Amino acid sequence: MKQHTFETQGTCSQAIEFEIDDEQRVHNVQFIGGCPGNTFGIAKMVEGMKAADVAAKLKGIPCGTKRTSCPDQLATALEQAISK
């Protein structure tokens, strides 16, 4: 598994750490900062899912009046990780 760290922009969380295995599945997602209940819930829900599927579902979700959110930032992070 390959470890990734993504610095978020426009959210309460500062970074997201996660792993992607050889089958492009997401594991061990951890948000640094942010709303603990929401970010922990997101991490549990995406565990073991295909990175591309997670990114497609979470891309574009806003947070209140912000144009992005922790889920949207995770989608961006996953897209970047799988494109490398």
C-alpha atoms as a PDB file:
ATOM      1  CA  MET A   1       0.000   0.000   0.000  1.00  0.00           C
ATOM      2  CA  LYS A   2       1.138   3.481  -0.776  1.00  0.00           C
ATOM      3  CA  GLN A   3       0.751   6.254   1.820  1.00  0.00           C
ATOM      4  CA  HIS A   4      -0.478   9.676   0.659  1.00  0.00           C
ATOM      5  CA  THR A   5      -0.767  13.050   2.376  1.00  0.00           C
ATOM      6  CA  PHE A   6      -2.843  15.833   0.837  1.00  0.00           C
ATOM      7  CA  GLU A   7      -2.896  19.405   2.129  1.00  0.00           C
ATOM      8  CA  THR A   8      -6.481  20.638   1.963  1.00  0.00           C
ATOM      9  CA  GLN A   9      -7.593  24.085   0.857  1.00  0.00           C
ATOM     10  CA  GLY A  10     -10.740  25.957   1.868  1.00  0.00           C
ATOM     11  CA  THR A  11     -11.796  23.592   4.660  1.00  0.00           C
ATOM     12  CA  CYS A  12     -11.477  23.334   8.432  1.00  0.00           C
ATOM     13  CA  SER A  13      -9.237  20.292   8.040  1.00  0.00           C
ATOM     14  CA  GLN A  14      -5.600  20.976   7.240  1.00  0.00           C
ATOM     15  CA  ALA A  15      -4.667  17.678   5.590  1.00  0.00           C
ATOM     16  CA  ILE A  16      -5.848  14.190   4.699  1.00  0.00           C
ATOM     17  CA  GLU A  17      -3.727  11.064   5.057  1.00  0.00           C
ATOM     18  CA  PHE A  18      -4.728   7.835   3.340  1.00  0.00           C
ATOM     19  CA  GLU A  19      -3.440   4.696   1.656  1.00  0.00           C
ATOM     20  CA  ILE A  20      -4.292   3.159  -1.706  1.00  0.00           C
ATOM     21  CA  ASP A  21      -3.583  -0.510  -2.321  1.00  0.00           C
ATOM     22  CA  ASP A  22      -2.581  -2.265  -5.551  1.00  0.00           C
ATOM     23  CA  GLU A  23      -6.260  -2.686  -6.483  1.00  0.00           C
ATOM     24  CA  GLN A  24      -6.825   1.095  -6.150  1.00  0.00           C
ATOM     25  CA  ARG A  25      -8.859   0.677  -2.942  1.00  0.00           C
ATOM     26  CA  VAL A  26      -8.829   3.323  -0.200  1.00  0.00           C
ATOM     27  CA  HIS A  27      -7.665   2.514   3.337  1.00  0.00           C
ATOM     28  CA  ASN A  28      -6.877   4.253   6.621  1.00  0.00           C
ATOM     29  CA  VAL A  29      -8.266   7.699   5.795  1.00  0.00           C
ATOM     30  CA  GLN A  30      -7.493  10.273   8.483  1.00  0.00           C
ATOM     31  CA  PHE A  31      -8.426  13.929   8.371  1.00  0.00           C
ATOM     32  CA  ILE A  32      -6.153  16.282  10.286  1.00  0.00           C
ATOM     33  CA  GLY A  33      -8.534  18.814  11.833  1.00  0.00           C
ATOM     34  CA  GLY A  34     -12.097  19.353  10.691  1.00  0.00           C
ATOM     35  CA  CYS A  35     -15.334  18.229  12.342  1.00  0.00           C
ATOM     36  CA  PRO A  36     -14.404  14.946  14.075  1.00  0.00           C
ATOM     37  CA  GLY A  37     -17.761  13.204  13.705  1.00  0.00           C
ATOM     38  CA  ASN A  38     -18.130  14.028  10.036  1.00  0.00           C
ATOM     39  CA  THR A  39     -14.558  13.274   9.030  1.00  0.00           C
ATOM     40  CA  PHE A  40     -14.475  10.014  11.017  1.00  0.00           C
ATOM     41  CA  GLY A  41     -17.758   9.005   9.393  1.00  0.00           C
ATOM     42  CA  ILE A  42     -16.440   9.718   5.905  1.00  0.00           C
ATOM     43  CA  ALA A  43     -13.287   7.718   6.639  1.00  0.00           C
ATOM     44  CA  LYS A  44     -15.307   4.694   7.817  1.00  0.00           C
ATOM     45  CA  MET A  45     -17.692   4.848   4.865  1.00  0.00           C
ATOM     46  CA  VAL A  46     -14.971   4.876   2.189  1.00  0.00           C
ATOM     47  CA  GLU A  47     -12.773   2.159   3.740  1.00  0.00           C
ATOM     48  CA  GLY A  48     -12.069  -0.520   1.125  1.00  0.00           C
ATOM     49  CA  MET A  49     -13.896   1.270  -1.697  1.00  0.00           C
ATOM     50  CA  LYS A  50     -12.355   1.871  -5.119  1.00  0.00           C
ATOM     51  CA  ALA A  51     -10.652   5.280  -5.119  1.00  0.00           C
ATOM     52  CA  ALA A  52     -12.267   6.317  -8.413  1.00  0.00           C
ATOM     53  CA  ASP A  53     -15.745   5.459  -7.097  1.00  0.00           C
ATOM     54  CA  VAL A  54     -15.178   7.476  -3.915  1.00  0.00           C
ATOM     55  CA  ALA A  55     -13.905  10.456  -5.908  1.00  0.00           C
ATOM     56  CA  ALA A  56     -16.911  10.349  -8.261  1.00  0.00           C
ATOM     57  CA  LYS A  57     -19.396  10.292  -5.365  1.00  0.00           C
ATOM     58  CA  LEU A  58     -17.754  13.024  -3.259  1.00  0.00           C
ATOM     59  CA  LYS A  59     -16.575  15.469  -5.947  1.00  0.00           C
ATOM     60  CA  GLY A  60     -18.272  18.869  -5.817  1.00  0.00           C
ATOM     61  CA  ILE A  61     -19.906  18.614  -2.372  1.00  0.00           C
ATOM     62  CA  PRO A  62     -19.910  22.083  -0.751  1.00  0.00           C
ATOM     63  CA  CYS A  63     -19.831  22.909   2.971  1.00  0.00           C
ATOM     64  CA  GLY A  64     -22.302  25.650   3.832  1.00  0.00           C
ATOM     65  CA  THR A  65     -21.380  28.649   1.686  1.00  0.00           C
ATOM     66  CA  LYS A  66     -17.902  27.282   0.897  1.00  0.00           C
ATOM     67  CA  ARG A  67     -17.291  25.976  -2.605  1.00  0.00           C
ATOM     68  CA  THR A  68     -15.508  22.890  -1.231  1.00  0.00           C
ATOM     69  CA  SER A  69     -15.741  20.529   1.743  1.00  0.00           C
ATOM     70  CA  CYS A  70     -13.789  17.762   3.429  1.00  0.00           C
ATOM     71  CA  PRO A  71     -15.463  15.149   1.173  1.00  0.00           C
ATOM     72  CA  ASP A  72     -14.706  17.266  -1.919  1.00  0.00           C
ATOM     73  CA  GLN A  73     -11.090  17.649  -0.826  1.00  0.00           C
ATOM     74  CA  LEU A  74     -10.829  13.874  -0.330  1.00  0.00           C
ATOM     75  CA  ALA A  75     -12.142  13.423  -3.885  1.00  0.00           C
ATOM     76  CA  THR A  76      -9.450  15.782  -5.187  1.00  0.00           C
ATOM     77  CA  ALA A  77      -6.775  13.991  -3.176  1.00  0.00           C
ATOM     78  CA  LEU A  78      -7.830  10.596  -4.505  1.00  0.00           C
ATOM     79  CA  GLU A  79      -7.958  11.835  -8.094  1.00  0.00           C
ATOM     80  CA  GLN A  80      -4.420  13.158  -7.775  1.00  0.00           C
ATOM     81  CA  ALA A  81      -3.178   9.949  -6.143  1.00  0.00           C
ATOM     82  CA  ILE A  82      -4.622   7.611  -8.781  1.00  0.00           C
ATOM     83  CA  SER A  83      -3.428   9.783 -11.673  1.00  0.00           C
ATOM     84  CA  LYS A  84       0.216   9.323 -10.626  1.00  0.00           C
END
